[in-house]
Every structure is written in structure tokens, then in C-alpha cells.
């Protein structure tokens, strides 16, 4: 599996991931998406002003 990541102020890097680690990476990505959804949900709540 090949992934790309961006370093601060630099170009994209290619990252090669072993098949053994691929499941862990996918699991981590699912967890990250869940956390981001929760953050977005909180941000979209109307403000009590």
C-alpha cells in the first residue's frame, strides 16, 4: 500500500506500508475520521448568544 503525506511547507512524500501494517493503518484512519466527524458536529452546533 502506498500513501502520501504532506510535511509542513514541503512537498508530498510517498510512504510505503507493509501489508502487515495495512490493517492497522486503515483502523487508525477510521478512528481519525470518527474523531473529525465529532469535531465537525460540535462546530456545526448553533451558538447560544
Protein backbone atom coordinates (compact mmCIF):
# COMPACT_ATOMS: atom_id res chain seq x y z
CA UNK A 1 0.00 0.00 0.00
CA UNK A 2 1.34 3.39 -0.88
CA UNK A 3 0.15 6.56 0.85
CA UNK A 4 1.01 10.20 0.52
CA UNK A 5 1.54 12.67 3.31
CA UNK A 6 2.44 16.33 3.35
CA UNK A 7 5.05 17.77 5.63
CA UNK A 8 4.72 21.35 6.75
CA UNK A 9 5.95 23.59 3.98
CA UNK A 10 7.25 20.69 1.91
CA UNK A 11 6.12 18.53 -0.97
CA UNK A 12 4.17 15.31 -0.68
CA UNK A 13 6.13 12.21 0.31
CA UNK A 14 5.37 8.67 -0.78
CA UNK A 15 5.13 6.25 2.11
CA UNK A 16 5.27 2.51 1.51
CA UNK A 17 3.38 0.45 4.06
CA UNK A 18 3.87 -3.28 4.50
CA UNK A 19 0.81 -5.46 4.01
CA UNK A 20 1.07 -6.48 7.67
CA UNK A 21 0.69 -2.87 8.79
CA UNK A 22 -2.02 -2.02 6.26
CA UNK A 23 -4.84 -3.18 8.55
CA UNK A 24 -3.54 -1.09 11.43
CA UNK A 25 -3.27 1.97 9.20
CA UNK A 26 -6.81 1.52 7.92
CA UNK A 27 -8.07 1.09 11.50
CA UNK A 28 -6.26 4.27 12.53
CA UNK A 29 -7.80 6.16 9.59
CA UNK A 30 -11.29 5.02 10.60
CA UNK A 31 -10.66 6.27 14.15
CA UNK A 32 -9.37 9.61 12.83
CA UNK A 33 -12.44 10.04 10.62
CA UNK A 34 -14.71 9.35 13.59
CA UNK A 35 -12.93 11.97 15.68
CA UNK A 36 -13.11 14.50 12.87
CA UNK A 37 -16.83 13.88 12.46
CA UNK A 38 -17.36 14.55 16.17
CA UNK A 39 -15.36 17.78 15.96
CA UNK A 40 -17.29 18.93 12.90
CA UNK A 41 -20.57 18.07 14.60
CA UNK A 42 -19.59 20.26 17.57
CA UNK A 43 -18.51 23.09 15.29
CA UNK A 44 -21.80 23.00 13.39
CA UNK A 45 -23.93 23.38 16.54
CA UNK A 46 -25.65 26.76 16.76
CA UNK A 47 -24.10 29.21 19.18
CA UNK A 48 -26.07 30.39 22.21
CA UNK A 49 -25.53 34.14 22.06
